[in-house]
Amino acid sequence: MNWEQTITEDELEEWTRADGNATIRLRRRTDGRFAVRLDQLYQADEGRGYAYEIVETRPAADELVDDWQTEAVPANETPE
C-alpha cells in the first residue's frame, strides 16, 4: 500500500498510509538522535499497533521508515 508524506517541517516528517489507518513519524530529538514511531489505528484491518524506536543517525531512521512502510500493510494485502 502506498504512503504519502503529509508533514514536512524543520525537524519533523510524517507519512500517512493510503487508507488513512496508519502513520509513521520521524523527528530529530534535541540530543541529535532520531525518534521514529509507527501508529496503526484501531480501525485498521490488522488492528491497533504502535512501535517507537530511537536511532543514532538519519540514514538509520530512513531505513526504519522504509522497513515499517513495507511491513505495515492491511491484513487483506501482502507486503510488496
Protein backbone atom coordinates (compact mmCIF):
# COMPACT_ATOMS: atom_id res chain seq x y z
CA MET A 1 0.00 0.00 0.00
CA ASN A 2 1.23 3.47 -0.79
CA TRP A 3 2.33 6.07 1.74
CA GLU A 4 2.11 9.84 1.27
CA GLN A 5 4.33 12.32 3.06
CA THR A 6 1.79 14.53 4.82
CA ILE A 7 4.01 16.66 7.09
CA THR A 8 7.39 18.15 6.26
CA GLU A 9 8.74 20.62 8.81
CA ASP A 10 12.21 21.55 10.04
CA GLU A 11 12.68 18.65 12.46
CA LEU A 12 9.57 16.56 11.73
CA GLU A 13 8.27 14.40 8.89
CA GLU A 14 5.16 12.24 8.77
CA TRP A 15 3.78 9.74 6.28
CA THR A 16 0.18 8.53 6.12
CA ARG A 17 -0.80 5.19 4.62
CA ALA A 18 -3.21 5.46 1.67
CA ASP A 19 -6.14 4.04 3.68
CA GLY A 20 -5.54 6.64 6.43
CA ASN A 21 -5.30 3.98 9.15
CA ALA A 22 -1.57 4.23 9.87
CA THR A 23 1.07 6.93 10.21
CA ILE A 24 4.83 6.97 10.59
CA ARG A 25 6.50 9.99 12.16
CA LEU A 26 10.21 10.81 12.16
CA ARG A 27 11.62 13.64 14.26
CA ARG A 28 15.04 14.86 15.26
CA ARG A 29 15.47 14.94 19.03
CA THR A 30 17.28 17.68 20.93
CA ASP A 31 20.19 15.28 21.57
CA GLY A 32 20.69 14.86 17.80
CA ARG A 33 19.28 11.34 17.61
CA PHE A 34 16.09 10.46 15.73
CA ALA A 35 12.78 9.16 17.05
CA VAL A 36 10.61 7.11 14.71
CA ARG A 37 7.13 5.89 15.56
CA LEU A 38 4.50 3.80 13.80
CA ASP A 39 0.87 4.22 14.83
CA GLN A 40 -1.86 1.97 13.41
CA LEU A 41 -5.39 3.00 14.33
CA TYR A 42 -7.99 0.71 15.90
CA GLN A 43 -9.91 0.88 12.61
CA ALA A 44 -7.02 -0.72 10.69
CA ASP A 45 -7.82 -4.16 9.29
CA GLU A 46 -4.82 -5.58 11.12
CA GLY A 47 -5.84 -3.95 14.41
CA ARG A 48 -4.19 -1.40 16.66
CA GLY A 49 -0.41 -1.26 16.63
CA TYR A 50 2.27 1.04 17.97
CA ALA A 51 6.05 0.99 17.70
CA TYR A 52 8.64 3.55 18.79
CA GLU A 53 12.40 3.47 18.31
CA ILE A 54 15.26 5.90 18.78
CA VAL A 55 18.18 5.61 16.36
CA GLU A 56 21.52 7.40 16.16
CA THR A 57 21.58 8.62 12.55
CA ARG A 58 19.29 9.95 9.85
CA PRO A 59 20.16 7.08 7.46
CA ALA A 60 19.16 4.59 10.18
CA ALA A 61 15.90 6.50 10.70
CA ASP A 62 15.19 6.49 6.96
CA GLU A 63 15.83 2.75 6.81
CA LEU A 64 13.42 2.16 9.70
CA VAL A 65 10.74 4.26 7.98
CA ASP A 66 11.20 2.22 4.78
CA ASP A 67 11.00 -1.07 6.70
CA TRP A 68 7.85 -0.08 8.55
CA GLN A 69 6.18 1.17 5.38
CA THR A 70 6.83 -2.22 3.80
CA GLU A 71 5.70 -4.21 6.85
CA ALA A 72 2.64 -2.17 7.89
CA VAL A 73 0.16 -3.35 5.30
CA PRO A 74 -3.54 -4.09 5.81
CA ALA A 75 -4.40 -7.69 6.65
CA ASN A 76 -6.07 -8.18 3.27
CA GLU A 77 -2.88 -7.25 1.35
CA THR A 78 0.59 -8.75 1.13
CA PRO A 79 3.81 -6.79 1.63
CA GLU A 80 5.40 -5.53 -1.58
